[in-house]
PDB file of N, CA and C in Angstrom:
ATOM      1  N   UNK A   1      17.212 -15.348 -13.304  1.00  0.00           N
ATOM      2  CA  UNK A   1      17.240 -14.025 -13.984  1.00  0.00           C
ATOM      3  C   UNK A   1      16.756 -12.883 -13.135  1.00  0.00           C
ATOM      4  N   UNK A   2      17.484 -11.977 -12.943  1.00  0.00           N
ATOM      5  CA  UNK A   2      17.293 -10.765 -11.938  1.00  0.00           C
ATOM      6  C   UNK A   2      15.826  -9.875 -12.556  1.00  0.00           C
ATOM      7  N   UNK A   3      14.989  -9.854 -11.704  1.00  0.00           N
ATOM      8  CA  UNK A   3      13.899  -8.969 -12.399  1.00  0.00           C
ATOM      9  C   UNK A   3      14.159  -7.381 -12.153  1.00  0.00           C
ATOM     10  N   UNK A   4      14.624  -6.956 -12.850  1.00  0.00           N
ATOM     11  CA  UNK A   4      15.173  -5.326 -12.363  1.00  0.00           C
ATOM     12  C   UNK A   4      14.218  -4.191 -12.367  1.00  0.00           C
ATOM     13  N   UNK A   5      12.666  -4.586 -12.808  1.00  0.00           N
ATOM     14  CA  UNK A   5      11.657  -3.772 -12.889  1.00  0.00           C
ATOM     15  C   UNK A   5      11.153  -3.916 -11.515  1.00  0.00           C
ATOM     16  N   UNK A   6      11.458  -5.266 -10.779  1.00  0.00           N
ATOM     17  CA  UNK A   6      11.029  -5.633  -9.317  1.00  0.00           C
ATOM     18  C   UNK A   6      11.900  -4.798  -8.516  1.00  0.00           C
ATOM     19  N   UNK A   7      13.073  -4.693  -9.128  1.00  0.00           N
ATOM     20  CA  UNK A   7      14.256  -4.139  -8.153  1.00  0.00           C
ATOM     21  C   UNK A   7      14.212  -2.686  -7.766  1.00  0.00           C
ATOM     22  N   UNK A   8      13.435  -1.891  -8.780  1.00  0.00           N
ATOM     23  CA  UNK A   8      12.866  -0.449  -8.676  1.00  0.00           C
ATOM     24  C   UNK A   8      11.613  -0.455  -8.399  1.00  0.00           C
ATOM     25  N   UNK A   9      10.835  -1.607  -8.135  1.00  0.00           N
ATOM     26  CA  UNK A   9       9.400  -1.136  -7.631  1.00  0.00           C
ATOM     27  C   UNK A   9       8.594  -0.891  -8.694  1.00  0.00           C
ATOM     28  N   UNK A  10       8.925  -1.149  -9.900  1.00  0.00           N
ATOM     29  CA  UNK A  10       7.922  -0.573 -11.174  1.00  0.00           C
ATOM     30  C   UNK A  10       7.694  -1.747 -11.740  1.00  0.00           C
ATOM     31  N   UNK A  11       6.464  -1.306 -12.667  1.00  0.00           N
ATOM     32  CA  UNK A  11       5.998  -2.552 -13.733  1.00  0.00           C
ATOM     33  C   UNK A  11       6.920  -2.561 -15.069  1.00  0.00           C
ATOM     34  N   UNK A  12       6.590  -3.759 -15.568  1.00  0.00           N
ATOM     35  CA  UNK A  12       7.474  -3.610 -17.295  1.00  0.00           C
ATOM     36  C   UNK A  12       7.108  -2.591 -17.912  1.00  0.00           C
ATOM     37  N   UNK A  13       5.619  -1.690 -17.975  1.00  0.00           N
ATOM     38  CA  UNK A  13       5.604  -0.900 -18.781  1.00  0.00           C
ATOM     39  C   UNK A  13       5.841   0.938 -18.300  1.00  0.00           C
ATOM     40  N   UNK A  14       6.542   0.870 -17.480  1.00  0.00           N
ATOM     41  CA  UNK A  14       7.300   1.983 -16.765  1.00  0.00           C
ATOM     42  C   UNK A  14       7.919   3.032 -17.481  1.00  0.00           C
ATOM     43  N   UNK A  15       7.700   4.047 -17.845  1.00  0.00           N
ATOM     44  CA  UNK A  15       8.284   5.413 -18.737  1.00  0.00           C
ATOM     45  C   UNK A  15       9.688   5.432 -18.111  1.00  0.00           C
ATOM     46  N   UNK A  16      10.315   6.134 -18.944  1.00  0.00           N
ATOM     47  CA  UNK A  16      11.820   6.551 -18.575  1.00  0.00           C
ATOM     48  C   UNK A  16      11.812   7.360 -17.556  1.00  0.00           C
ATOM     49  N   UNK A  17      11.069   8.324 -17.544  1.00  0.00           N
ATOM     50  CA  UNK A  17      10.905   9.144 -16.145  1.00  0.00           C
ATOM     51  C   UNK A  17      10.696   8.610 -14.817  1.00  0.00           C
ATOM     52  N   UNK A  18       9.721   7.384 -14.898  1.00  0.00           N
ATOM     53  CA  UNK A  18       9.116   6.826 -13.595  1.00  0.00           C
ATOM     54  C   UNK A  18      10.454   5.953 -13.637  1.00  0.00           C
ATOM     55  N   UNK A  19      11.195   5.436 -14.165  1.00  0.00           N
ATOM     56  CA  UNK A  19      12.595   4.397 -13.938  1.00  0.00           C
ATOM     57  C   UNK A  19      13.470   5.333 -13.113  1.00  0.00           C
ATOM     58  N   UNK A  20      13.980   7.055 -13.995  1.00  0.00           N
ATOM     59  CA  UNK A  20      14.532   7.727 -12.998  1.00  0.00           C
ATOM     60  C   UNK A  20      14.548   7.978 -11.684  1.00  0.00           C
ATOM     61  N   UNK A  21      13.012   8.504 -11.567  1.00  0.00           N
ATOM     62  CA  UNK A  21      12.103   8.737 -10.433  1.00  0.00           C
ATOM     63  C   UNK A  21      12.715   7.629  -9.166  1.00  0.00           C
ATOM     64  N   UNK A  22      12.239   6.232  -9.533  1.00  0.00           N
ATOM     65  CA  UNK A  22      12.261   5.246  -8.746  1.00  0.00           C
ATOM     66  C   UNK A  22      13.804   5.023  -8.632  1.00  0.00           C
ATOM     67  N   UNK A  23      14.665   5.182  -9.298  1.00  0.00           N
ATOM     68  CA  UNK A  23      16.267   4.717  -9.022  1.00  0.00           C
ATOM     69  C   UNK A  23      16.406   5.735  -8.242  1.00  0.00           C
ATOM     70  N   UNK A  24      16.119   6.977  -8.462  1.00  0.00           N
ATOM     71  CA  UNK A  24      16.532   8.270  -7.207  1.00  0.00           C
ATOM     72  C   UNK A  24      16.320   7.734  -5.861  1.00  0.00           C
ATOM     73  N   UNK A  25      14.710   7.442  -5.820  1.00  0.00           N
ATOM     74  CA  UNK A  25      13.863   7.060  -4.378  1.00  0.00           C
ATOM     75  C   UNK A  25      14.927   5.851  -3.976  1.00  0.00           C
ATOM     76  N   UNK A  26      15.186   4.757  -4.615  1.00  0.00           N
ATOM     77  CA  UNK A  26      15.821   4.027  -4.085  1.00  0.00           C
ATOM     78  C   UNK A  26      17.233   3.769  -3.749  1.00  0.00           C
ATOM     79  N   UNK A  27      17.880   4.569  -4.894  1.00  0.00           N
ATOM     80  CA  UNK A  27      19.719   5.012  -4.596  1.00  0.00           C
ATOM     81  C   UNK A  27      19.667   5.527  -3.270  1.00  0.00           C
ATOM     82  N   UNK A  28      18.868   6.621  -2.798  1.00  0.00           N
ATOM     83  CA  UNK A  28      18.610   7.500  -1.664  1.00  0.00           C
ATOM     84  C   UNK A  28      18.737   6.707  -0.329  1.00  0.00           C
ATOM     85  N   UNK A  29      17.683   5.653  -0.553  1.00  0.00           N
ATOM     86  CA  UNK A  29      17.266   5.111   0.609  1.00  0.00           C
ATOM     87  C   UNK A  29      18.279   3.831   0.877  1.00  0.00           C
ATOM     88  N   UNK A  30      19.060   3.132  -0.378  1.00  0.00           N
ATOM     89  CA  UNK A  30      20.050   2.353  -0.090  1.00  0.00           C
ATOM     90  C   UNK A  30      21.274   2.404   0.245  1.00  0.00           C
ATOM     91  N   UNK A  31      21.649   3.657  -0.141  1.00  0.00           N
ATOM     92  CA  UNK A  31      22.738   4.237  -0.437  1.00  0.00           C
ATOM     93  C   UNK A  31      23.792   4.320   1.275  1.00  0.00           C
ATOM     94  N   UNK A  32      24.996   3.208   0.940  1.00  0.00           N
ATOM     95  CA  UNK A  32      25.632   3.108   2.089  1.00  0.00           C
ATOM     96  C   UNK A  32      25.971   3.934   2.832  1.00  0.00           C
ATOM     97  N   UNK A  33      26.346   5.321   2.275  1.00  0.00           N
ATOM     98  CA  UNK A  33      26.664   6.405   3.343  1.00  0.00           C
ATOM     99  C   UNK A  33      25.160   7.060   4.273  1.00  0.00           C
ATOM    100  N   UNK A  34      24.226   6.579   3.814  1.00  0.00           N
ATOM    101  CA  UNK A  34      22.778   6.814   4.626  1.00  0.00           C
ATOM    102  C   UNK A  34      22.232   5.789   5.296  1.00  0.00           C
ATOM    103  N   UNK A  35      22.654   4.397   4.986  1.00  0.00           N
ATOM    104  CA  UNK A  35      21.785   3.399   5.113  1.00  0.00           C
ATOM    105  C   UNK A  35      22.785   2.502   6.038  1.00  0.00           C
ATOM    106  N   UNK A  36      22.941   1.853   7.132  1.00  0.00           N
ATOM    107  CA  UNK A  36      23.811   1.259   7.773  1.00  0.00           C
ATOM    108  C   UNK A  36      23.772  -0.330   7.844  1.00  0.00           C
ATOM    109  N   UNK A  37      22.486  -0.825   7.129  1.00  0.00           N
ATOM    110  CA  UNK A  37      22.224  -2.142   7.115  1.00  0.00           C
ATOM    111  C   UNK A  37      23.372  -2.766   6.252  1.00  0.00           C
ATOM    112  N   UNK A  38      23.498  -4.142   6.651  1.00  0.00           N
ATOM    113  CA  UNK A  38      24.628  -4.937   6.297  1.00  0.00           C
ATOM    114  C   UNK A  38      24.171  -4.894   4.383  1.00  0.00           C
ATOM    115  N   UNK A  39      22.875  -5.346   4.571  1.00  0.00           N
ATOM    116  CA  UNK A  39      22.567  -5.452   3.166  1.00  0.00           C
ATOM    117  C   UNK A  39      22.586  -4.040   2.002  1.00  0.00           C
ATOM    118  N   UNK A  40      22.725  -3.134   2.725  1.00  0.00           N
ATOM    119  CA  UNK A  40      22.286  -1.854   2.006  1.00  0.00           C
ATOM    120  C   UNK A  40      23.556  -1.704   0.421  1.00  0.00           C
ATOM    121  N   UNK A  41      24.739  -2.271   1.078  1.00  0.00           N
ATOM    122  CA  UNK A  41      25.930  -1.721  -0.344  1.00  0.00           C
ATOM    123  C   UNK A  41      25.144  -2.958  -1.292  1.00  0.00           C
ATOM    124  N   UNK A  42      24.935  -4.000  -1.468  1.00  0.00           N
ATOM    125  CA  UNK A  42      24.433  -4.976  -2.179  1.00  0.00           C
ATOM    126  C   UNK A  42      23.156  -4.359  -2.771  1.00  0.00           C
ATOM    127  N   UNK A  43      22.163  -4.317  -2.129  1.00  0.00           N
ATOM    128  CA  UNK A  43      20.873  -3.298  -2.690  1.00  0.00           C
ATOM    129  C   UNK A  43      21.414  -2.272  -3.281  1.00  0.00           C
ATOM    130  N   UNK A  44      22.117  -1.194  -3.174  1.00  0.00           N
ATOM    131  CA  UNK A  44      22.369   0.167  -3.858  1.00  0.00           C
ATOM    132  C   UNK A  44      23.073  -0.559  -5.250  1.00  0.00           C
ATOM    133  N   UNK A  45      24.122  -1.606  -5.025  1.00  0.00           N
ATOM    134  CA  UNK A  45      24.528  -1.952  -6.316  1.00  0.00           C
ATOM    135  C   UNK A  45      23.393  -2.617  -7.325  1.00  0.00           C
ATOM    136  N   UNK A  46      22.587  -3.439  -6.764  1.00  0.00           N
ATOM    137  CA  UNK A  46      21.344  -3.802  -7.447  1.00  0.00           C
ATOM    138  C   UNK A  46      20.396  -2.799  -8.292  1.00  0.00           C
ATOM    139  N   UNK A  47      20.226  -1.924  -7.730  1.00  0.00           N
ATOM    140  CA  UNK A  47      19.456  -0.813  -7.966  1.00  0.00           C
ATOM    141  C   UNK A  47      20.332   0.202  -9.243  1.00  0.00           C
ATOM    142  N   UNK A  48      21.658   0.189  -8.569  1.00  0.00           N
ATOM    143  CA  UNK A  48      22.137   0.831  -9.846  1.00  0.00           C
ATOM    144  C   UNK A  48      22.460   0.016 -11.052  1.00  0.00           C
ATOM    145  N   UNK A  49      22.474  -1.312 -10.902  1.00  0.00           N
ATOM    146  CA  UNK A  49      22.724  -2.219 -12.042  1.00  0.00           C
ATOM    147  C   UNK A  49      21.212  -2.053 -13.227  1.00  0.00           C
ATOM    148  N   UNK A  50      20.042  -2.140 -12.148  1.00  0.00           N
ATOM    149  CA  UNK A  50      18.630  -2.213 -12.863  1.00  0.00           C
ATOM    150  C   UNK A  50      18.564  -0.748 -13.607  1.00  0.00           C
ATOM    151  N   UNK A  51      18.849   0.195 -13.193  1.00  0.00           N
ATOM    152  CA  UNK A  51      18.908   2.021 -13.726  1.00  0.00           C
ATOM    153  C   UNK A  51      19.833   1.742 -14.994  1.00  0.00           C
ATOM    154  N   UNK A  52      20.960   1.416 -15.010  1.00  0.00           N
ATOM    155  CA  UNK A  52      21.931   1.309 -16.316  1.00  0.00           C
ATOM    156  C   UNK A  52      21.234   0.696 -17.312  1.00  0.00           C
ATOM    157  N   UNK A  53      20.508  -0.900 -16.951  1.00  0.00           N
ATOM    158  CA  UNK A  53      19.951  -1.395 -17.830  1.00  0.00           C
ATOM    159  C   UNK A  53      18.590  -0.807 -18.450  1.00  0.00           C
ATOM    160  N   UNK A  54      18.009  -0.532 -17.665  1.00  0.00           N
ATOM    161  CA  UNK A  54      16.461  -0.114 -18.008  1.00  0.00           C
ATOM    162  C   UNK A  54      16.590   1.508 -18.428  1.00  0.00           C
ATOM    163  N   UNK A  55      17.471   2.164 -18.197  1.00  0.00           N
ATOM    164  CA  UNK A  55      17.476   3.622 -18.981  1.00  0.00           C
ATOM    165  C   UNK A  55      18.145   3.575 -20.423  1.00  0.00           C
ATOM    166  N   UNK A  56      18.914   2.499 -20.837  1.00  0.00           N
ATOM    167  CA  UNK A  56      19.284   2.591 -21.846  1.00  0.00           C
ATOM    168  C   UNK A  56      17.927   1.790 -22.954  1.00  0.00           C
ATOM    169  N   UNK A  57      17.709   2.587 -23.979  1.00  0.00           N
ATOM    170  CA  UNK A  57      16.744   1.877 -24.655  1.00  0.00           C
ATOM    171  C   UNK A  57      16.960   0.657 -25.376  1.00  0.00           C
ATOM    172  N   UNK A  58      18.121   0.425 -26.024  1.00  0.00           N
ATOM    173  CA  UNK A  58      18.681  -0.960 -26.648  1.00  0.00           C
ATOM    174  C   UNK A  58      18.730  -2.051 -25.602  1.00  0.00           C
ATOM    175  N   UNK A  59      19.432  -1.586 -24.508  1.00  0.00           N
ATOM    176  CA  UNK A  59      19.466  -2.882 -23.519  1.00  0.00           C
ATOM    177  C   UNK A  59      18.238  -2.851 -22.753  1.00  0.00           C
ATOM    178  N   UNK A  60      17.250  -2.087 -22.633  1.00  0.00           N
ATOM    179  CA  UNK A  60      15.873  -2.766 -22.298  1.00  0.00           C
ATOM    180  C   UNK A  60      15.165  -3.055 -23.281  1.00  0.00           C
ATOM    181  N   UNK A  61      15.338  -2.915 -24.464  1.00  0.00           N
ATOM    182  CA  UNK A  61      14.725  -3.929 -25.134  1.00  0.00           C
ATOM    183  C   UNK A  61      15.187  -5.336 -25.483  1.00  0.00           C
ATOM    184  N   UNK A  62      16.141  -5.222 -25.248  1.00  0.00           N
ATOM    185  CA  UNK A  62      16.812  -6.827 -25.067  1.00  0.00           C
ATOM    186  C   UNK A  62      16.554  -7.546 -24.239  1.00  0.00           C
ATOM    187  N   UNK A  63      16.418  -7.087 -22.983  1.00  0.00           N
ATOM    188  CA  UNK A  63      16.229  -7.334 -21.543  1.00  0.00           C
ATOM    189  C   UNK A  63      14.686  -7.593 -21.774  1.00  0.00           C
ATOM    190  N   UNK A  64      13.750  -6.769 -22.088  1.00  0.00           N
ATOM    191  CA  UNK A  64      12.529  -6.918 -22.300  1.00  0.00           C
ATOM    192  C   UNK A  64      11.882  -7.870 -23.415  1.00  0.00           C
ATOM    193  N   UNK A  65      12.641  -8.343 -24.251  1.00  0.00           N
ATOM    194  CA  UNK A  65      12.605  -9.717 -25.113  1.00  0.00           C
ATOM    195  C   UNK A  65      12.658 -10.830 -24.385  1.00  0.00           C
ATOM    196  N   UNK A  66      14.121 -10.974 -23.721  1.00  0.00           N
ATOM    197  CA  UNK A  66      14.603 -11.876 -23.084  1.00  0.00           C
ATOM    198  C   UNK A  66      13.565 -12.438 -21.905  1.00  0.00           C
ATOM    199  N   UNK A  67      13.097 -11.518 -21.041  1.00  0.00           N
ATOM    200  CA  UNK A  67      12.122 -11.601 -20.296  1.00  0.00           C
ATOM    201  C   UNK A  67      10.697 -11.985 -20.520  1.00  0.00           C
ATOM    202  N   UNK A  68      10.229 -11.630 -21.856  1.00  0.00           N
ATOM    203  CA  UNK A  68       9.177 -12.359 -22.389  1.00  0.00           C
ATOM    204  C   UNK A  68       9.336 -14.066 -22.665  1.00  0.00           C
ATOM    205  N   UNK A  69      10.556 -14.008 -23.308  1.00  0.00           N
ATOM    206  CA  UNK A  69      10.928 -15.433 -23.688  1.00  0.00           C
ATOM    207  C   UNK A  69      10.979 -16.518 -22.428  1.00  0.00           C
ATOM    208  N   UNK A  70      11.601 -15.565 -21.051  1.00  0.00           N
ATOM    209  CA  UNK A  70      11.399 -16.150 -20.149  1.00  0.00           C
ATOM    210  C   UNK A  70      10.036 -16.345 -19.356  1.00  0.00           C
ATOM    211  N   UNK A  71       8.897 -15.771 -19.756  1.00  0.00           N
ATOM    212  CA  UNK A  71       7.953 -15.800 -19.285  1.00  0.00           C
ATOM    213  C   UNK A  71       7.515 -15.126 -17.885  1.00  0.00           C
ATOM    214  N   UNK A  72       8.565 -14.279 -17.980  1.00  0.00           N
ATOM    215  CA  UNK A  72       8.009 -13.200 -16.436  1.00  0.00           C
ATOM    216  C   UNK A  72       7.143 -12.210 -16.539  1.00  0.00           C
ATOM    217  N   UNK A  73       6.996 -11.556 -17.599  1.00  0.00           N
ATOM    218  CA  UNK A  73       5.848 -10.721 -17.968  1.00  0.00           C
ATOM    219  C   UNK A  73       4.574 -11.204 -18.005  1.00  0.00           C
ATOM    220  N   UNK A  74       4.216 -11.822 -18.844  1.00  0.00           N
ATOM    221  CA  UNK A  74       2.780 -12.291 -18.546  1.00  0.00           C
ATOM    222  C   UNK A  74       2.786 -14.143 -19.199  1.00  0.00           C
ATOM    223  N   UNK A  75       3.107 -14.853 -18.032  1.00  0.00           N
ATOM    224  CA  UNK A  75       3.094 -16.358 -18.892  1.00  0.00           C
ATOM    225  C   UNK A  75       1.743 -16.962 -19.643  1.00  0.00           C
ATOM    226  N   UNK A  76       0.804 -16.347 -19.300  1.00  0.00           N
ATOM    227  CA  UNK A  76      -0.261 -17.224 -19.851  1.00  0.00           C
ATOM    228  C   UNK A  76      -0.016 -16.435 -21.311  1.00  0.00           C
ATOM    229  N   UNK A  77      -0.134 -15.241 -21.804  1.00  0.00           N
ATOM    230  CA  UNK A  77       0.046 -14.818 -23.309  1.00  0.00           C
ATOM    231  C   UNK A  77       1.069 -15.221 -23.516  1.00  0.00           C
ATOM    232  N   UNK A  78       2.412 -15.395 -22.814  1.00  0.00           N
ATOM    233  CA  UNK A  78       3.230 -15.943 -23.775  1.00  0.00           C
ATOM    234  C   UNK A  78       2.998 -17.518 -24.267  1.00  0.00           C
ATOM    235  N   UNK A  79       2.740 -18.039 -23.249  1.00  0.00           N
ATOM    236  CA  UNK A  79       2.286 -19.576 -23.689  1.00  0.00           C
ATOM    237  C   UNK A  79       1.322 -19.479 -25.088  1.00  0.00           C
ATOM    238  N   UNK A  80       0.546 -18.760 -24.858  1.00  0.00           N
ATOM    239  CA  UNK A  80      -0.838 -18.751 -26.069  1.00  0.00           C
ATOM    240  C   UNK A  80       0.122 -18.554 -26.940  1.00  0.00           C
ATOM    241  N   UNK A  81       0.811 -17.443 -27.033  1.00  0.00           N
ATOM    242  CA  UNK A  81       1.666 -16.827 -28.437  1.00  0.00           C
ATOM    243  C   UNK A  81       2.562 -18.303 -28.988  1.00  0.00           C
ATOM    244  N   UNK A  82       3.272 -19.103 -28.202  1.00  0.00           N
ATOM    245  CA  UNK A  82       4.106 -19.664 -28.303  1.00  0.00           C
ATOM    246  C   UNK A  82       3.272 -20.770 -28.926  1.00  0.00           C
ATOM    247  N   UNK A  83       2.046 -21.195 -28.454  1.00  0.00           N
ATOM    248  CA  UNK A  83       1.334 -22.149 -28.703  1.00  0.00           C
ATOM    249  C   UNK A  83       0.515 -22.208 -30.514  1.00  0.00           C
ATOM    250  N   UNK A  84       0.139 -20.571 -30.412  1.00  0.00           N
ATOM    251  CA  UNK A  84      -0.502 -20.358 -31.840  1.00  0.00           C
ATOM    252  C   UNK A  84       0.629 -20.168 -32.932  1.00  0.00           C
ATOM    253  N   UNK A  85       1.904 -19.957 -32.502  1.00  0.00           N
ATOM    254  CA  UNK A  85       2.824 -19.556 -33.845  1.00  0.00           C
ATOM    255  C   UNK A  85       3.648 -21.366 -34.042  1.00  0.00           C
ATOM    256  N   UNK A  86       3.656 -21.857 -32.818  1.00  0.00           N
ATOM    257  CA  UNK A  86       4.388 -23.146 -33.472  1.00  0.00           C
ATOM    258  C   UNK A  86       3.463 -24.433 -33.311  1.00  0.00           C
ATOM    259  N   UNK A  87       2.194 -24.299 -32.628  1.00  0.00           N
ATOM    260  CA  UNK A  87       1.577 -25.580 -32.570  1.00  0.00           C
ATOM    261  C   UNK A  87       0.277 -25.606 -33.483  1.00  0.00           C
ATOM    262  N   UNK A  88      -0.556 -24.610 -33.446  1.00  0.00           N
ATOM    263  CA  UNK A  88      -1.415 -24.553 -34.265  1.00  0.00           C
ATOM    264  C   UNK A  88      -1.230 -24.645 -35.812  1.00  0.00           C
ATOM    265  N   UNK A  89      -0.094 -24.100 -36.337  1.00  0.00           N
ATOM    266  CA  UNK A  89       0.316 -24.696 -37.565  1.00  0.00           C
ATOM    267  C   UNK A  89       0.448 -26.230 -38.182  1.00  0.00           C
ATOM    268  N   UNK A  90       1.203 -26.748 -36.796  1.00  0.00           N
ATOM    269  CA  UNK A  90       1.164 -28.343 -37.025  1.00  0.00           C
ATOM    270  C   UNK A  90       0.080 -28.850 -36.931  1.00  0.00           C
ATOM    271  N   UNK A  91      -0.607 -28.861 -35.890  1.00  0.00           N
ATOM    272  CA  UNK A  91      -2.232 -29.391 -35.819  1.00  0.00           C
ATOM    273  C   UNK A  91      -3.241 -29.233 -37.033  1.00  0.00           C
ATOM    274  N   UNK A  92      -2.878 -28.223 -37.646  1.00  0.00           N
ATOM    275  CA  UNK A  92      -3.792 -27.541 -38.699  1.00  0.00           C
ATOM    276  C   UNK A  92      -3.404 -28.409 -39.983  1.00  0.00           C
ATOM    277  N   UNK A  93      -2.262 -28.533 -40.472  1.00  0.00           N
ATOM    278  CA  UNK A  93      -1.382 -29.479 -41.180  1.00  0.00           C
ATOM    279  C   UNK A  93      -1.701 -30.885 -41.231  1.00  0.00           C
ATOM    280  N   UNK A  94      -1.964 -31.333 -39.939  1.00  0.00           N
ATOM    281  CA  UNK A  94      -2.068 -32.732 -39.659  1.00  0.00           C
ATOM    282  C   UNK A  94      -3.592 -33.231 -40.009  1.00  0.00           C
ATOM    283  N   UNK A  95      -4.314 -32.111 -39.477  1.00  0.00           N
ATOM    284  CA  UNK A  95      -5.555 -32.243 -39.960  1.00  0.00           C
ATOM    285  C   UNK A  95      -6.184 -32.140 -41.449  1.00  0.00           C
ATOM    286  N   UNK A  96      -5.386 -31.528 -42.141  1.00  0.00           N
ATOM    287  CA  UNK A  96      -5.469 -31.676 -43.650  1.00  0.00           C
ATOM    288  C   UNK A  96      -4.999 -32.660 -44.158  1.00  0.00           C
ATOM    289  N   UNK A  97      -3.961 -33.312 -43.786  1.00  0.00           N
ATOM    290  CA  UNK A  97      -3.366 -34.217 -44.379  1.00  0.00           C
ATOM    291  C   UNK A  97      -4.202 -35.417 -44.308  1.00  0.00           C
ATOM    292  N   UNK A  98      -4.983 -35.792 -43.358  1.00  0.00           N
ATOM    293  CA  UNK A  98      -5.644 -36.892 -43.125  1.00  0.00           C
ATOM    294  C   UNK A  98      -6.839 -37.097 -43.661  1.00  0.00           C
ATOM    295  N   UNK A  99      -7.419 -38.042 -44.292  1.00  0.00           N
ATOM    296  CA  UNK A  99      -8.306 -38.576 -45.120  1.00  0.00           C
ATOM    297  C   UNK A  99      -9.513 -38.749 -44.693  1.00  0.00           C
ATOM    298  N   UNK A 100     -10.651 -37.878 -44.909  1.00  0.00           N
ATOM    299  CA  UNK A 100     -12.005 -38.044 -44.419  1.00  0.00           C
ATOM    300  C   UNK A 100     -12.503 -39.778 -44.445  1.00  0.00           C
ATOM    301  N   UNK A 101     -12.999 -39.895 -43.158  1.00  0.00           N
ATOM    302  CA  UNK A 101     -13.780 -41.491 -42.996  1.00  0.00           C
ATOM    303  C   UNK A 101     -14.939 -41.527 -43.740  1.00  0.00           C
ATOM    304  N   UNK A 102     -14.957 -42.449 -44.309  1.00  0.00           N
ATOM    305  CA  UNK A 102     -16.429 -42.722 -45.173  1.00  0.00           C
ATOM    306  C   UNK A 102     -17.832 -42.907 -43.857  1.00  0.00           C
TER     307      UNK A 102
END
């Protein structure tokens, strides 16, 4: 999975204004007309793709949700959330159904 925030050099809590600013800077830097490097066209396309996705609120929300599921944002917090929602109820139920020892 491509990290579009990293492509633009941003954190996942970036504002739309920050996304636009980063896009303009990265696009200017990697535009094939301004940059003769062989990797410039591919990098420019990646920057465009990142901007198109992150500047659309609905697509960004879907991307962020998928990113969280894939543990890219905060692995520890995501793992804790998974544990609490799935395993804690199971463990609680198993402790309640066991009979106390004399």
